[in-house]
Amino acid sequence: MNEHSADASWRVDHRCTNCDAARQLAPDLIAEVAGRSSVIRQPRNDAEEKALHAAAFACHTRSIRHGARGPQPALDPFPLRLSEHVHLCGHNSPRTAGASSYLLRRPAGNLMMVDTPRWSSALASRYAALGPITDVLLTHRDHAAHGREYADRFGARLWIHEGDLAAAPNADSILRGTEPIEIADGVTAHPLPGHTQGSVLYLADDTYCFSGDSFYWSRSVGDIAVAESVTWYSITELAASLARAAPRVRFEWLLPGHGDRKRLPADEFARRMKDLAARTGELSPRPIDFTALRW
């Protein structure tokens, strides 16, 4: 697979919004060039070909092309297993700015969907094939698109915080206030106002942290980070939320909506969370600027 004709080569078209999802899935093949993702070399083996297919099926603008065609449907890897209990949904939606979403398996055999991929009945059937999905957990308003459709398709409860209720006014379960609440055995919702007024962090089994857009793993700084340049509600509130949450949450997997995923020992994340809260407390409000994100 060392030789590629122009008709068979992989490329990224002009619709790319620089969301970083493709670079997470094919980091040796796709890189940021001039403010958007670009294929920096062609795949050399089957594993790299599969990585590009994963990136293509995650891309919310369908910008990753194989010559004049899209990726091969038979090589769609989603839902993609990340661990024994978590799958990445893929098929990111343009209505959630390309955010990642996840399926969380519970000990009883049911699953929870955290945020939503793009909607289609065929995709819903694919996710449901893993088992009964009982809850759709929305981390905040920006990721609420398709929540009702998926919840209705699965016969599941739709969750959102009251601060972002306008984005899902027909939600079944409404989180309130700022104190943690156990919403299922081993699953706790931690309201985290800051990125939006109703942002929520979902913690499962002291292992999995679904952080929405409140914080993420930044490859450029090699640490957890907040997206201060796209904090819509209040960076001051986000600092207070992190200071409140840092001593309460323990996890080994960081699974954000935007930004990279990361696995580290729980003690390491605990230290980094404390440091993040302190760093965020030193930040001041700034204008919204998507180009300032440090992926």
Protein backbone atom coordinates (compact mmCIF):
# COMPACT_ATOMS: atom_id res chain seq x y z
CA MET A 1 0.00 0.00 0.00
CA ASN A 2 2.96 2.32 -0.47
CA GLU A 3 1.82 3.62 -3.85
CA HIS A 4 -1.40 5.63 -4.20
CA SER A 5 -2.91 7.08 -7.33
CA ALA A 6 -4.61 10.43 -7.07
CA ASP A 7 -7.98 8.69 -7.40
CA ALA A 8 -7.24 6.39 -4.44
CA SER A 9 -5.51 8.78 -2.06
CA TRP A 10 -6.97 10.09 1.19
CA ARG A 11 -7.53 13.82 1.63
CA VAL A 12 -9.46 16.35 3.73
CA ASP A 13 -11.71 18.75 1.85
CA HIS A 14 -12.42 22.43 2.46
CA ARG A 15 -15.39 21.80 4.78
CA CYS A 16 -13.11 20.86 7.72
CA THR A 17 -13.80 22.96 10.84
CA ASN A 18 -10.62 21.94 12.70
CA CYS A 19 -12.59 20.10 15.40
CA ASP A 20 -9.68 17.69 16.13
CA ALA A 21 -11.77 14.48 16.09
CA ALA A 22 -9.93 13.02 13.10
CA ARG A 23 -6.50 13.80 14.54
CA GLN A 24 -7.41 11.91 17.70
CA LEU A 25 -8.30 8.77 15.76
CA ALA A 26 -5.48 8.84 13.18
CA PRO A 27 -2.74 10.88 14.89
CA ASP A 28 0.12 9.63 12.70
CA LEU A 29 -1.76 10.28 9.47
CA ILE A 30 -3.74 13.48 10.05
CA ALA A 31 -2.32 16.69 11.49
CA GLU A 32 -3.27 20.34 11.81
CA VAL A 33 -1.95 22.33 8.85
CA ALA A 34 -2.84 26.00 8.33
CA GLY A 35 -5.76 25.88 10.73
CA ARG A 36 -7.45 22.66 9.65
CA SER A 37 -6.84 18.93 9.49
CA SER A 38 -4.80 17.54 6.62
CA VAL A 39 -3.68 14.05 5.61
CA ILE A 40 0.09 14.24 6.00
CA ARG A 41 0.80 10.80 4.55
CA GLN A 42 -1.08 7.88 3.09
CA PRO A 43 -1.67 4.65 5.06
CA ARG A 44 0.99 1.96 4.81
CA ASN A 45 -0.87 -1.01 6.25
CA ASP A 46 -4.32 -2.28 7.17
CA ALA A 47 -4.19 -0.82 10.68
CA GLU A 48 -3.54 2.67 9.32
CA GLU A 49 -6.26 2.22 6.70
CA LYS A 50 -8.69 1.35 9.51
CA ALA A 51 -7.58 4.42 11.48
CA LEU A 52 -8.41 6.68 8.54
CA HIS A 53 -11.80 5.02 8.17
CA ALA A 54 -12.48 5.67 11.86
CA ALA A 55 -11.52 9.32 11.41
CA ALA A 56 -13.73 9.58 8.32
CA PHE A 57 -16.80 8.09 10.02
CA ALA A 58 -16.32 10.36 13.05
CA CYS A 59 -15.92 13.57 11.02
CA HIS A 60 -19.05 15.71 11.38
CA THR A 61 -18.57 17.48 8.04
CA ARG A 62 -17.74 14.27 6.16
CA SER A 63 -14.60 16.05 4.98
CA ILE A 64 -12.30 13.02 4.91
CA ARG A 65 -12.45 11.56 1.42
CA HIS A 66 -10.91 8.52 -0.23
CA GLY A 67 -10.20 9.93 -3.67
CA ALA A 68 -13.52 11.03 -5.10
CA ARG A 69 -15.43 8.77 -2.72
CA GLY A 70 -16.25 8.63 0.94
CA PRO A 71 -15.04 5.82 3.19
CA GLN A 72 -16.24 2.23 2.72
CA PRO A 73 -19.37 1.53 4.83
CA ALA A 74 -18.15 -2.00 5.55
CA LEU A 75 -15.16 -0.49 7.40
CA ASP A 76 -17.22 1.72 9.72
CA PRO A 77 -15.83 0.75 13.18
CA PHE A 78 -18.45 2.48 15.34
CA PRO A 79 -19.46 2.01 18.07
CA LEU A 80 -15.74 1.66 18.82
CA ARG A 81 -14.75 -0.05 22.06
CA LEU A 82 -12.45 2.09 24.23
CA SER A 83 -12.56 -0.09 27.34
CA GLU A 84 -14.56 -2.93 28.84
CA HIS A 85 -17.37 -0.53 29.73
CA VAL A 86 -17.17 2.37 27.25
CA HIS A 87 -17.70 2.66 23.50
CA LEU A 88 -17.12 5.75 21.37
CA CYS A 89 -20.21 6.40 19.23
CA GLY A 90 -18.46 8.12 16.30
CA HIS A 91 -20.62 9.74 13.61
CA ASN A 92 -20.24 13.14 15.24
CA SER A 93 -23.00 15.60 14.47
CA PRO A 94 -22.72 19.02 12.84
CA ARG A 95 -25.49 20.10 15.24
CA THR A 96 -23.17 19.48 18.23
CA ALA A 97 -20.14 21.16 16.59
CA GLY A 98 -18.67 17.71 16.01
CA ALA A 99 -18.59 16.64 19.67
CA SER A 100 -17.77 13.07 20.68
CA SER A 101 -20.41 10.93 22.38
CA TYR A 102 -20.18 7.67 24.29
CA LEU A 103 -21.99 4.54 25.42
CA LEU A 104 -21.44 3.49 29.04
CA ARG A 105 -22.23 -0.11 30.02
CA ARG A 106 -23.63 -0.73 33.48
CA PRO A 107 -23.29 -3.91 35.62
CA ALA A 108 -26.94 -4.84 35.03
CA GLY A 109 -26.27 -5.01 31.29
CA ASN A 110 -27.96 -1.79 30.25
CA LEU A 111 -26.15 1.17 28.69
CA MET A 112 -26.25 4.94 28.99
CA MET A 113 -25.57 7.28 26.08
CA VAL A 114 -23.55 10.37 27.04
CA ASP A 115 -24.29 13.18 24.57
CA THR A 116 -25.41 12.23 21.09
CA PRO A 117 -24.00 11.37 17.67
CA ARG A 118 -25.76 12.47 14.50
CA TRP A 119 -29.27 11.08 14.28
CA SER A 120 -30.32 8.27 12.00
CA SER A 121 -32.54 5.27 12.61
CA ALA A 122 -29.85 2.97 11.22
CA LEU A 123 -27.26 4.32 13.66
CA ALA A 124 -29.72 4.00 16.55
CA SER A 125 -30.21 0.34 15.67
CA ARG A 126 -26.46 -0.17 15.59
CA TYR A 127 -26.00 1.31 19.07
CA ALA A 128 -29.01 -0.55 20.48
CA ALA A 129 -27.50 -3.83 19.27
CA LEU A 130 -25.03 -3.53 22.17
CA GLY A 131 -27.86 -3.80 24.69
CA PRO A 132 -30.80 -1.82 26.10
CA ILE A 133 -30.05 1.90 26.41
CA THR A 134 -31.97 3.27 29.38
CA ASP A 135 -30.68 6.84 29.72
CA VAL A 136 -29.39 9.64 27.48
CA LEU A 137 -27.23 12.01 29.55
CA LEU A 138 -26.66 15.48 28.14
CA THR A 139 -23.59 17.30 29.43
CA HIS A 140 -24.81 20.74 28.30
CA ARG A 141 -26.90 22.68 25.82
CA ASP A 142 -24.41 22.62 22.91
CA HIS A 143 -24.67 18.82 22.79
CA ALA A 144 -28.44 18.49 23.22
CA ALA A 145 -29.27 18.01 19.54
CA HIS A 146 -30.80 14.61 18.79
CA GLY A 147 -31.24 13.83 22.50
CA ARG A 148 -35.02 13.50 22.29
CA GLU A 149 -34.84 11.44 19.11
CA TYR A 150 -32.42 8.93 20.60
CA ALA A 151 -34.27 8.78 23.92
CA ASP A 152 -37.57 8.11 22.16
CA ARG A 153 -36.01 5.48 19.90
CA PHE A 154 -34.52 3.63 22.88
CA GLY A 155 -37.40 4.23 25.30
CA ALA A 156 -34.83 5.98 27.50
CA ARG A 157 -34.90 8.87 29.96
CA LEU A 158 -33.40 12.14 28.73
CA TRP A 159 -31.35 14.07 31.33
CA ILE A 160 -30.23 17.71 31.35
CA HIS A 161 -29.49 20.39 33.96
CA GLU A 162 -32.04 23.12 34.66
CA GLY A 163 -29.50 25.76 33.61
CA ASP A 164 -29.61 24.48 30.03
CA LEU A 165 -33.21 23.26 30.01
CA ALA A 166 -34.14 25.58 27.13
CA ALA A 167 -32.07 23.31 24.86
CA ALA A 168 -34.12 20.23 25.84
CA PRO A 169 -37.38 21.50 27.34
CA ASN A 170 -39.00 18.07 27.00
CA ALA A 171 -36.32 16.27 29.04
CA ASP A 172 -37.59 13.56 31.37
CA SER A 173 -35.15 14.12 34.25
CA ILE A 174 -33.89 17.56 35.28
CA LEU A 175 -30.79 18.06 37.40
CA ARG A 176 -30.86 21.06 39.74
CA GLY A 177 -28.44 23.10 41.81
CA THR A 178 -24.69 22.54 42.10
CA GLU A 179 -24.43 19.56 44.44
CA PRO A 180 -23.61 16.06 43.12
CA ILE A 181 -26.49 13.63 42.73
CA GLU A 182 -26.39 9.89 42.15
CA ILE A 183 -28.59 9.22 39.12
CA ALA A 184 -27.96 5.47 38.90
CA ASP A 185 -25.97 2.88 40.80
CA GLY A 186 -22.35 4.03 40.46
CA VAL A 187 -23.16 7.04 38.26
CA THR A 188 -23.08 10.56 39.72
CA ALA A 189 -23.90 13.86 38.04
CA HIS A 190 -21.73 16.79 39.13
CA PRO A 191 -23.23 20.12 37.99
CA LEU A 192 -20.33 22.23 36.68
CA PRO A 193 -21.57 25.65 35.55
CA GLY A 194 -19.02 27.58 33.56
CA HIS A 195 -18.77 26.51 29.92
CA THR A 196 -22.56 26.91 29.96
CA GLN A 197 -24.86 27.62 32.87
CA GLY A 198 -26.10 24.02 32.92
CA SER A 199 -22.89 22.09 32.21
CA VAL A 200 -22.63 18.72 33.95
CA LEU A 201 -19.83 16.22 34.54
CA TYR A 202 -20.92 12.58 34.76
CA LEU A 203 -18.73 10.27 36.85
CA ALA A 204 -19.07 6.49 36.64
CA ASP A 205 -17.58 3.97 39.08
CA ASP A 206 -14.79 6.37 40.12
CA THR A 207 -13.24 5.42 36.79
CA TYR A 208 -14.89 7.23 33.89
CA CYS A 209 -15.25 11.01 33.73
CA PHE A 210 -17.50 12.37 30.97
CA SER A 211 -16.58 16.04 31.13
CA GLY A 212 -18.55 17.50 28.24
CA ASP A 213 -16.78 20.72 27.28
CA SER A 214 -15.80 21.70 30.82
CA PHE A 215 -12.24 20.39 30.45
CA TYR A 216 -10.28 18.03 28.22
CA TRP A 217 -6.83 16.58 27.56
CA SER A 218 -4.70 18.97 25.53
CA ARG A 219 -1.91 17.33 23.54
CA SER A 220 -0.22 20.66 22.95
CA VAL A 221 0.26 21.35 26.67
CA GLY A 222 0.38 17.72 27.82
CA ASP A 223 -2.20 18.31 30.55
CA ILE A 224 -5.90 18.76 31.24
CA ALA A 225 -7.14 22.16 30.14
CA VAL A 226 -10.24 24.33 29.98
CA ALA A 227 -11.40 25.85 26.71
CA GLU A 228 -11.22 29.36 28.09
CA SER A 229 -11.67 31.00 24.67
CA VAL A 230 -15.06 29.28 24.19
CA THR A 231 -16.42 29.48 27.73
CA TRP A 232 -19.89 30.81 26.94
CA TYR A 233 -21.25 31.40 30.45
CA SER A 234 -18.50 32.37 32.90
CA ILE A 235 -14.84 31.48 33.38
CA THR A 236 -15.20 32.68 36.97
CA GLU A 237 -18.05 30.21 37.57
CA LEU A 238 -16.04 27.46 35.89
CA ALA A 239 -13.15 28.10 38.28
CA ALA A 240 -15.52 27.85 41.25
CA SER A 241 -17.04 24.66 39.83
CA LEU A 242 -13.64 23.04 39.39
CA ALA A 243 -12.56 24.03 42.89
CA ARG A 244 -15.73 22.42 44.22
CA ALA A 245 -15.40 19.26 42.12
CA ALA A 246 -11.65 18.62 42.35
CA PRO A 247 -11.64 17.06 45.85
CA ARG A 248 -14.82 15.08 45.10
CA VAL A 249 -14.06 13.30 41.84
CA ARG A 250 -11.68 10.42 41.14
CA PHE A 251 -11.30 8.87 37.73
CA GLU A 252 -8.88 7.06 35.45
CA TRP A 253 -10.43 7.91 32.08
CA LEU A 254 -11.10 11.46 30.89
CA LEU A 255 -13.74 11.35 28.13
CA PRO A 256 -14.64 14.87 26.91
CA GLY A 257 -16.97 16.10 24.19
CA HIS A 258 -14.28 18.17 22.51
CA GLY A 259 -10.57 17.67 22.98
CA ASP A 260 -8.62 14.49 23.43
CA ARG A 261 -9.31 11.50 25.66
CA LYS A 262 -6.75 10.32 28.19
CA ARG A 263 -6.16 7.45 30.63
CA LEU A 264 -3.97 8.01 33.71
CA PRO A 265 -3.81 6.69 37.28
CA ALA A 266 -6.52 8.20 39.50
CA ASP A 267 -3.97 9.84 41.81
CA GLU A 268 -2.36 11.54 38.82
CA PHE A 269 -5.67 12.93 37.62
CA ALA A 270 -6.50 14.06 41.17
CA ARG A 271 -3.31 16.11 41.27
CA ARG A 272 -3.94 17.55 37.82
CA MET A 273 -7.53 18.46 38.71
CA LYS A 274 -6.35 20.41 41.75
CA ASP A 275 -3.80 22.24 39.60
CA LEU A 276 -6.41 22.93 36.90
CA ALA A 277 -8.77 24.49 39.42
CA ALA A 278 -5.96 26.76 40.63
CA ARG A 279 -4.95 27.76 37.08
CA THR A 280 -8.53 28.44 36.04
CA GLY A 281 -8.99 30.66 39.08
CA GLU A 282 -6.31 32.97 37.68
CA LEU A 283 -8.08 33.44 34.32
CA SER A 284 -10.14 36.46 33.34
CA PRO A 285 -13.09 36.62 30.92
CA ARG A 286 -12.04 36.95 27.28
CA PRO A 287 -13.80 37.26 23.92
CA ILE A 288 -14.95 34.07 22.22
CA ASP A 289 -12.22 32.90 19.83
CA PHE A 290 -12.35 29.39 18.37
CA THR A 291 -8.90 29.77 16.82
CA ALA A 292 -7.32 30.10 20.26
CA LEU A 293 -8.08 26.49 21.26
CA ARG A 294 -4.95 24.50 22.06
CA TRP A 295 -5.75 20.94 21.09
